[in-house]
């Protein structure tokens, strides 16, 4: 993954610094998208301002994806083409986000439906995301 990330950063005129590498390792180990607070908690040696700046660079380089939830919540994860395709369960109360992998057959059906719907509108589909919103087990 570091090789792909370094290539994308070079393409954006950036370098894979030690702080960026640390962020990628944190996100790679995570089982769900993380908030900046959670990232800083897992590596207190990373300054919050540095985490903010580096996440912007990583997002602009196509390495990290921001997952927006209700309110002021933003979470970060590795871009899907560096990991496995998945969707999210998003709590509209606390902002918790859990990864949701769908069965292959359902994923293929959704993909075909998205491509057909996009084509009807003259749109070229490059991918799809499904976020299921509601209340998590702690908030209901």
N, C-alpha and C. Protein backbone atom coordinates (compact mmCIF):
# COMPACT_ATOMS: atom_id res chain seq x y z
N UNK A 1 0.82 -1.18 0.00
CA UNK A 1 0.00 0.00 0.00
C UNK A 1 0.87 1.25 0.00
N UNK A 2 2.00 1.22 0.69
CA UNK A 2 2.88 2.39 0.75
C UNK A 2 3.38 2.77 -0.64
N UNK A 3 3.62 1.78 -1.49
CA UNK A 3 4.10 2.06 -2.84
C UNK A 3 3.03 2.79 -3.63
N UNK A 4 1.80 2.32 -3.55
CA UNK A 4 0.70 2.98 -4.25
C UNK A 4 0.49 4.39 -3.70
N UNK A 5 0.54 4.55 -2.39
CA UNK A 5 0.36 5.86 -1.77
C UNK A 5 1.48 6.81 -2.19
N UNK A 6 2.71 6.32 -2.18
CA UNK A 6 3.84 7.16 -2.57
C UNK A 6 3.70 7.61 -4.02
N UNK A 7 3.25 6.72 -4.89
CA UNK A 7 3.04 7.08 -6.29
C UNK A 7 1.97 8.13 -6.46
N UNK A 8 0.88 8.00 -5.74
CA UNK A 8 -0.19 8.99 -5.83
C UNK A 8 0.27 10.34 -5.28
N UNK A 9 1.03 10.31 -4.21
CA UNK A 9 1.54 11.56 -3.66
C UNK A 9 2.50 12.23 -4.64
N UNK A 10 3.41 11.45 -5.26
CA UNK A 10 4.32 12.02 -6.25
C UNK A 10 3.54 12.66 -7.39
N UNK A 11 2.47 11.99 -7.82
CA UNK A 11 1.63 12.54 -8.89
C UNK A 11 0.98 13.86 -8.50
N UNK A 12 0.82 14.09 -7.21
CA UNK A 12 0.24 15.34 -6.71
C UNK A 12 1.32 16.33 -6.27
N UNK A 13 2.59 15.98 -6.56
CA UNK A 13 3.68 16.88 -6.18
C UNK A 13 3.99 16.86 -4.69
N UNK A 14 3.67 15.75 -4.02
CA UNK A 14 3.89 15.62 -2.58
C UNK A 14 4.80 14.42 -2.30
N UNK A 15 5.22 14.28 -1.04
CA UNK A 15 6.06 13.16 -0.62
C UNK A 15 5.36 12.34 0.46
N UNK A 16 5.78 11.08 0.59
CA UNK A 16 5.28 10.23 1.67
C UNK A 16 6.17 10.46 2.88
N UNK A 17 5.77 11.39 3.73
CA UNK A 17 6.55 11.72 4.93
C UNK A 17 6.27 10.71 6.04
N UNK A 18 7.03 10.78 7.10
CA UNK A 18 6.83 9.84 8.21
C UNK A 18 5.46 10.05 8.86
N UNK A 19 5.00 11.30 8.97
CA UNK A 19 3.67 11.55 9.55
C UNK A 19 2.58 10.99 8.64
N UNK A 20 2.71 11.14 7.35
CA UNK A 20 1.71 10.60 6.42
C UNK A 20 1.72 9.07 6.47
N UNK A 21 2.91 8.49 6.55
CA UNK A 21 3.01 7.04 6.68
C UNK A 21 2.33 6.57 7.96
N UNK A 22 2.52 7.30 9.06
CA UNK A 22 1.89 6.94 10.33
C UNK A 22 0.37 7.00 10.20
N UNK A 23 -0.15 8.04 9.54
CA UNK A 23 -1.60 8.14 9.34
C UNK A 23 -2.12 6.97 8.52
N UNK A 24 -1.41 6.60 7.47
CA UNK A 24 -1.84 5.48 6.64
C UNK A 24 -1.85 4.18 7.44
N UNK A 25 -0.86 3.98 8.28
CA UNK A 25 -0.82 2.77 9.10
C UNK A 25 -1.99 2.73 10.08
N UNK A 26 -2.32 3.86 10.68
CA UNK A 26 -3.46 3.92 11.60
C UNK A 26 -4.75 3.56 10.87
N UNK A 27 -4.96 4.17 9.71
CA UNK A 27 -6.19 3.92 8.95
C UNK A 27 -6.24 2.50 8.41
N UNK A 28 -5.08 1.95 8.07
CA UNK A 28 -5.03 0.57 7.56
C UNK A 28 -5.41 -0.43 8.65
N UNK A 29 -5.03 -0.16 9.89
CA UNK A 29 -5.35 -1.06 11.00
C UNK A 29 -6.79 -0.93 11.49
N UNK A 30 -7.40 0.20 11.21
CA UNK A 30 -8.75 0.47 11.74
C UNK A 30 -9.79 -0.42 11.07
N UNK A 31 -10.80 -0.80 11.83
CA UNK A 31 -11.89 -1.63 11.30
C UNK A 31 -13.09 -0.78 10.90
N UNK A 32 -12.92 0.55 10.93
CA UNK A 32 -13.98 1.48 10.56
C UNK A 32 -13.35 2.84 10.32
N UNK A 33 -14.06 3.75 9.69
CA UNK A 33 -13.53 5.10 9.52
C UNK A 33 -13.33 5.79 10.88
N UNK A 34 -12.27 6.57 10.99
CA UNK A 34 -11.91 7.20 12.26
C UNK A 34 -12.04 8.72 12.21
N UNK A 35 -12.37 9.30 13.35
CA UNK A 35 -12.37 10.76 13.48
C UNK A 35 -10.92 11.22 13.70
N UNK A 36 -10.70 12.50 13.53
CA UNK A 36 -9.37 13.05 13.80
C UNK A 36 -9.02 12.83 15.27
N UNK A 37 -9.99 13.00 16.15
CA UNK A 37 -9.76 12.78 17.58
C UNK A 37 -9.29 11.34 17.84
N UNK A 38 -9.93 10.37 17.20
CA UNK A 38 -9.53 8.96 17.37
C UNK A 38 -8.14 8.70 16.82
N UNK A 39 -7.80 9.36 15.72
CA UNK A 39 -6.46 9.20 15.15
C UNK A 39 -5.42 9.75 16.11
N UNK A 40 -5.66 10.94 16.65
CA UNK A 40 -4.71 11.56 17.58
C UNK A 40 -4.60 10.74 18.86
N UNK A 41 -5.73 10.19 19.34
CA UNK A 41 -5.69 9.34 20.54
C UNK A 41 -4.81 8.11 20.33
N UNK A 42 -4.84 7.56 19.12
CA UNK A 42 -4.05 6.34 18.87
C UNK A 42 -2.56 6.64 18.70
N UNK A 43 -2.23 7.88 18.36
CA UNK A 43 -0.83 8.28 18.22
C UNK A 43 -0.64 9.68 18.79
N UNK A 44 -0.55 9.81 20.12
CA UNK A 44 -0.44 11.12 20.75
C UNK A 44 0.78 11.93 20.30
N UNK A 45 1.78 11.26 19.72
CA UNK A 45 2.97 11.98 19.25
C UNK A 45 2.68 12.78 17.97
N UNK A 46 1.53 12.53 17.33
CA UNK A 46 1.15 13.30 16.14
C UNK A 46 0.36 14.53 16.58
N UNK A 47 0.81 15.68 16.18
CA UNK A 47 0.11 16.92 16.52
C UNK A 47 -1.20 16.98 15.74
N UNK A 48 -2.26 17.43 16.41
CA UNK A 48 -3.58 17.50 15.76
C UNK A 48 -3.53 18.37 14.51
N UNK A 49 -2.81 19.48 14.55
CA UNK A 49 -2.73 20.36 13.38
C UNK A 49 -2.05 19.65 12.22
N UNK A 50 -1.05 18.83 12.51
CA UNK A 50 -0.36 18.06 11.48
C UNK A 50 -1.29 17.00 10.89
N UNK A 51 -2.09 16.37 11.75
CA UNK A 51 -3.05 15.37 11.28
C UNK A 51 -4.03 16.02 10.31
N UNK A 52 -4.58 17.17 10.67
CA UNK A 52 -5.50 17.89 9.80
C UNK A 52 -4.85 18.16 8.44
N UNK A 53 -3.67 18.79 8.47
CA UNK A 53 -2.99 19.16 7.21
C UNK A 53 -2.69 17.94 6.34
N UNK A 54 -2.19 16.89 6.98
CA UNK A 54 -1.81 15.70 6.20
C UNK A 54 -3.02 14.95 5.67
N UNK A 55 -4.11 14.93 6.41
CA UNK A 55 -5.33 14.28 5.89
C UNK A 55 -5.85 15.01 4.66
N UNK A 56 -5.73 16.33 4.63
CA UNK A 56 -6.14 17.10 3.45
C UNK A 56 -5.30 16.69 2.25
N UNK A 57 -3.99 16.60 2.42
CA UNK A 57 -3.10 16.20 1.33
C UNK A 57 -3.41 14.77 0.87
N UNK A 58 -3.61 13.87 1.83
CA UNK A 58 -3.90 12.47 1.49
C UNK A 58 -5.25 12.34 0.79
N UNK A 59 -6.21 13.15 1.19
CA UNK A 59 -7.52 13.13 0.54
C UNK A 59 -7.42 13.69 -0.88
N UNK A 60 -6.73 14.79 -1.05
CA UNK A 60 -6.57 15.39 -2.37
C UNK A 60 -5.77 14.49 -3.31
N UNK A 61 -4.93 13.63 -2.77
CA UNK A 61 -4.12 12.71 -3.56
C UNK A 61 -4.86 11.42 -3.88
N UNK A 62 -6.09 11.25 -3.37
CA UNK A 62 -6.87 10.05 -3.65
C UNK A 62 -6.46 8.84 -2.85
N UNK A 63 -5.85 9.07 -1.69
CA UNK A 63 -5.40 7.97 -0.84
C UNK A 63 -6.38 7.75 0.32
N UNK A 64 -6.92 8.83 0.81
CA UNK A 64 -7.84 8.81 1.94
C UNK A 64 -9.17 9.38 1.49
N UNK A 65 -10.23 8.82 2.03
CA UNK A 65 -11.58 9.31 1.72
C UNK A 65 -12.24 9.79 3.00
N UNK A 66 -12.90 10.94 2.90
CA UNK A 66 -13.64 11.48 4.04
C UNK A 66 -15.05 10.94 3.98
N UNK A 67 -15.52 10.42 5.10
CA UNK A 67 -16.88 9.92 5.22
C UNK A 67 -17.63 10.92 6.08
N UNK A 68 -18.59 11.60 5.48
CA UNK A 68 -19.37 12.60 6.22
C UNK A 68 -20.57 11.92 6.87
N UNK A 69 -20.82 12.33 8.10
CA UNK A 69 -21.99 11.83 8.81
C UNK A 69 -22.84 13.03 9.19
N UNK A 70 -23.88 12.82 9.94
CA UNK A 70 -24.74 13.92 10.33
C UNK A 70 -24.01 14.93 11.20
N UNK A 71 -24.45 16.15 11.16
CA UNK A 71 -23.87 17.19 12.01
C UNK A 71 -22.45 17.52 11.62
N UNK A 72 -21.60 17.64 12.62
CA UNK A 72 -20.22 18.05 12.41
C UNK A 72 -19.25 16.88 12.32
N UNK A 73 -19.75 15.69 12.16
CA UNK A 73 -18.90 14.52 12.18
C UNK A 73 -18.25 14.28 10.82
N UNK A 74 -16.95 14.05 10.82
CA UNK A 74 -16.22 13.62 9.63
C UNK A 74 -15.29 12.50 10.07
N UNK A 75 -15.23 11.48 9.28
CA UNK A 75 -14.36 10.35 9.58
C UNK A 75 -13.53 10.07 8.34
N UNK A 76 -12.42 9.38 8.53
CA UNK A 76 -11.48 9.14 7.44
C UNK A 76 -11.15 7.66 7.34
N UNK A 77 -10.99 7.21 6.10
CA UNK A 77 -10.59 5.83 5.83
C UNK A 77 -9.76 5.82 4.56
N UNK A 78 -9.07 4.72 4.33
CA UNK A 78 -8.32 4.58 3.09
C UNK A 78 -9.29 4.51 1.92
N UNK A 79 -8.88 5.05 0.78
CA UNK A 79 -9.73 5.00 -0.40
C UNK A 79 -9.99 3.54 -0.77
N UNK A 80 -11.17 3.28 -1.30
CA UNK A 80 -11.59 1.89 -1.57
C UNK A 80 -10.68 1.15 -2.53
N UNK A 81 -10.07 1.82 -3.49
CA UNK A 81 -9.23 1.06 -4.40
C UNK A 81 -7.91 0.64 -3.76
N UNK A 82 -7.67 1.05 -2.52
CA UNK A 82 -6.53 0.57 -1.75
C UNK A 82 -6.95 -0.49 -0.74
N UNK A 83 -8.26 -0.69 -0.61
CA UNK A 83 -8.81 -1.66 0.34
C UNK A 83 -9.90 -2.45 -0.37
N UNK A 84 -10.86 -2.94 0.39
CA UNK A 84 -12.00 -3.66 -0.17
C UNK A 84 -13.21 -2.73 -0.28
N UNK A 85 -14.01 -2.94 -1.32
CA UNK A 85 -15.24 -2.16 -1.51
C UNK A 85 -16.20 -2.50 -0.37
N UNK A 86 -16.78 -1.46 0.22
CA UNK A 86 -17.73 -1.67 1.31
C UNK A 86 -18.64 -0.44 1.43
N UNK A 87 -19.61 -0.55 2.27
CA UNK A 87 -20.56 0.53 2.52
C UNK A 87 -20.52 0.85 4.01
N UNK A 88 -21.42 1.71 4.48
CA UNK A 88 -21.37 2.13 5.87
C UNK A 88 -22.74 2.13 6.53
N UNK A 89 -22.74 1.86 7.82
CA UNK A 89 -23.88 2.10 8.71
C UNK A 89 -23.52 3.38 9.47
N UNK A 90 -24.35 4.42 9.35
CA UNK A 90 -24.04 5.73 9.93
C UNK A 90 -25.10 6.08 10.97
N UNK A 91 -24.68 6.30 12.22
CA UNK A 91 -25.61 6.71 13.27
C UNK A 91 -25.83 8.21 13.15
N UNK A 92 -27.09 8.61 12.99
CA UNK A 92 -27.42 10.02 12.82
C UNK A 92 -27.43 10.77 14.15
N UNK A 93 -27.27 10.05 15.25
CA UNK A 93 -27.25 10.69 16.55
C UNK A 93 -25.82 10.96 17.02
N UNK A 94 -25.00 9.92 17.12
CA UNK A 94 -23.65 10.08 17.66
C UNK A 94 -22.57 10.15 16.59
N UNK A 95 -22.92 9.82 15.34
CA UNK A 95 -21.95 9.91 14.26
C UNK A 95 -21.09 8.67 14.07
N UNK A 96 -21.33 7.63 14.84
CA UNK A 96 -20.58 6.39 14.69
C UNK A 96 -20.77 5.85 13.28
N UNK A 97 -19.69 5.33 12.71
CA UNK A 97 -19.74 4.74 11.37
C UNK A 97 -19.15 3.35 11.46
N UNK A 98 -19.88 2.37 10.96
CA UNK A 98 -19.39 0.99 10.90
C UNK A 98 -19.33 0.57 9.44
N UNK A 99 -18.30 -0.19 9.09
CA UNK A 99 -18.22 -0.73 7.73
C UNK A 99 -19.27 -1.81 7.54
N UNK A 100 -19.80 -1.88 6.33
CA UNK A 100 -20.82 -2.86 5.99
C UNK A 100 -20.46 -3.48 4.65
N UNK A 101 -20.11 -4.75 4.65
CA UNK A 101 -19.83 -5.47 3.42
C UNK A 101 -21.09 -6.24 3.03
N UNK A 102 -21.47 -6.10 1.78
CA UNK A 102 -22.68 -6.78 1.29
C UNK A 102 -22.29 -8.07 0.58
N UNK A 103 -23.21 -9.03 0.52
CA UNK A 103 -22.94 -10.26 -0.22
C UNK A 103 -22.63 -9.94 -1.69
N UNK A 104 -21.76 -10.71 -2.29
CA UNK A 104 -21.29 -10.46 -3.67
C UNK A 104 -22.46 -10.31 -4.65
N UNK A 105 -23.46 -11.17 -4.55
CA UNK A 105 -24.59 -11.12 -5.49
C UNK A 105 -25.35 -9.79 -5.37
N UNK A 106 -25.57 -9.34 -4.14
CA UNK A 106 -26.27 -8.08 -3.92
C UNK A 106 -25.42 -6.91 -4.42
N UNK A 107 -24.13 -6.97 -4.17
CA UNK A 107 -23.21 -5.92 -4.64
C UNK A 107 -23.24 -5.82 -6.17
N UNK A 108 -23.25 -6.96 -6.84
CA UNK A 108 -23.32 -6.95 -8.30
C UNK A 108 -24.63 -6.37 -8.79
N UNK A 109 -25.73 -6.70 -8.14
CA UNK A 109 -27.05 -6.15 -8.50
C UNK A 109 -27.07 -4.64 -8.32
N UNK A 110 -26.55 -4.16 -7.21
CA UNK A 110 -26.49 -2.71 -6.96
C UNK A 110 -25.63 -2.04 -8.02
N UNK A 111 -24.50 -2.63 -8.34
CA UNK A 111 -23.60 -2.07 -9.35
C UNK A 111 -24.27 -1.95 -10.70
N UNK A 112 -24.96 -3.00 -11.13
CA UNK A 112 -25.67 -2.95 -12.42
C UNK A 112 -26.76 -1.89 -12.41
N UNK A 113 -27.52 -1.83 -11.32
CA UNK A 113 -28.59 -0.83 -11.22
C UNK A 113 -28.02 0.58 -11.24
N UNK A 114 -26.91 0.81 -10.58
CA UNK A 114 -26.28 2.13 -10.57
C UNK A 114 -25.81 2.52 -11.97
N UNK A 115 -25.19 1.57 -12.68
CA UNK A 115 -24.72 1.85 -14.04
C UNK A 115 -25.88 2.16 -14.97
N UNK A 116 -26.97 1.40 -14.87
CA UNK A 116 -28.15 1.65 -15.73
C UNK A 116 -28.77 3.00 -15.43
N UNK A 117 -28.93 3.31 -14.16
CA UNK A 117 -29.52 4.59 -13.78
C UNK A 117 -28.63 5.75 -14.24
N UNK A 118 -27.34 5.61 -14.08
CA UNK A 118 -26.41 6.65 -14.52
C UNK A 118 -26.49 6.84 -16.03
N UNK A 119 -26.52 5.73 -16.78
CA UNK A 119 -26.56 5.80 -18.24
C UNK A 119 -27.83 6.50 -18.72
N UNK A 120 -28.95 6.25 -18.05
CA UNK A 120 -30.20 6.92 -18.43
C UNK A 120 -30.10 8.43 -18.34
N UNK A 121 -29.21 8.91 -17.51
CA UNK A 121 -29.03 10.34 -17.32
C UNK A 121 -27.79 10.86 -18.06
N UNK A 122 -27.18 10.01 -18.90
CA UNK A 122 -25.99 10.42 -19.63
C UNK A 122 -24.76 10.56 -18.75
N UNK A 123 -24.76 9.85 -17.65
CA UNK A 123 -23.70 9.93 -16.65
C UNK A 123 -22.87 8.66 -16.72
N UNK A 124 -21.56 8.77 -16.64
CA UNK A 124 -20.70 7.60 -16.63
C UNK A 124 -20.38 7.27 -15.18
N UNK A 125 -20.87 6.15 -14.72
CA UNK A 125 -20.72 5.73 -13.33
C UNK A 125 -19.28 5.24 -13.10
N UNK A 126 -18.65 5.76 -12.06
CA UNK A 126 -17.29 5.35 -11.71
C UNK A 126 -17.26 4.51 -10.44
N UNK A 127 -18.39 4.39 -9.78
CA UNK A 127 -18.46 3.63 -8.54
C UNK A 127 -19.74 4.02 -7.82
N UNK A 128 -19.97 3.39 -6.71
CA UNK A 128 -21.15 3.73 -5.92
C UNK A 128 -20.83 3.56 -4.44
N UNK A 129 -21.62 4.26 -3.65
CA UNK A 129 -21.52 4.16 -2.19
C UNK A 129 -22.92 4.07 -1.64
N UNK A 130 -23.08 3.23 -0.66
CA UNK A 130 -24.37 3.11 0.02
C UNK A 130 -24.11 3.34 1.50
N UNK A 131 -24.77 4.34 2.05
CA UNK A 131 -24.71 4.58 3.48
C UNK A 131 -26.10 4.35 4.05
N UNK A 132 -26.19 3.45 5.01
CA UNK A 132 -27.45 3.18 5.69
C UNK A 132 -27.44 4.04 6.94
N UNK A 133 -28.40 4.95 7.05
CA UNK A 133 -28.45 5.85 8.20
C UNK A 133 -29.52 5.40 9.18
N UNK A 134 -29.29 5.71 10.43
CA UNK A 134 -30.24 5.34 11.48
C UNK A 134 -29.57 5.52 12.83
N UNK A 135 -30.03 4.76 13.80
CA UNK A 135 -29.49 4.84 15.16
C UNK A 135 -28.72 3.57 15.50
N UNK A 136 -27.54 3.75 16.05
CA UNK A 136 -26.73 2.60 16.47
C UNK A 136 -27.34 1.98 17.72
N UNK A 137 -26.80 0.84 18.15
CA UNK A 137 -27.35 0.15 19.31
C UNK A 137 -27.23 0.97 20.59
N UNK A 138 -26.25 1.87 20.69
CA UNK A 138 -26.11 2.71 21.88
C UNK A 138 -27.09 3.87 21.91
N UNK A 139 -27.55 4.33 20.74
CA UNK A 139 -28.41 5.52 20.68
C UNK A 139 -29.89 5.20 20.58
N UNK A 140 -30.25 3.99 20.24
CA UNK A 140 -31.68 3.73 20.05
C UNK A 140 -32.45 3.58 21.33
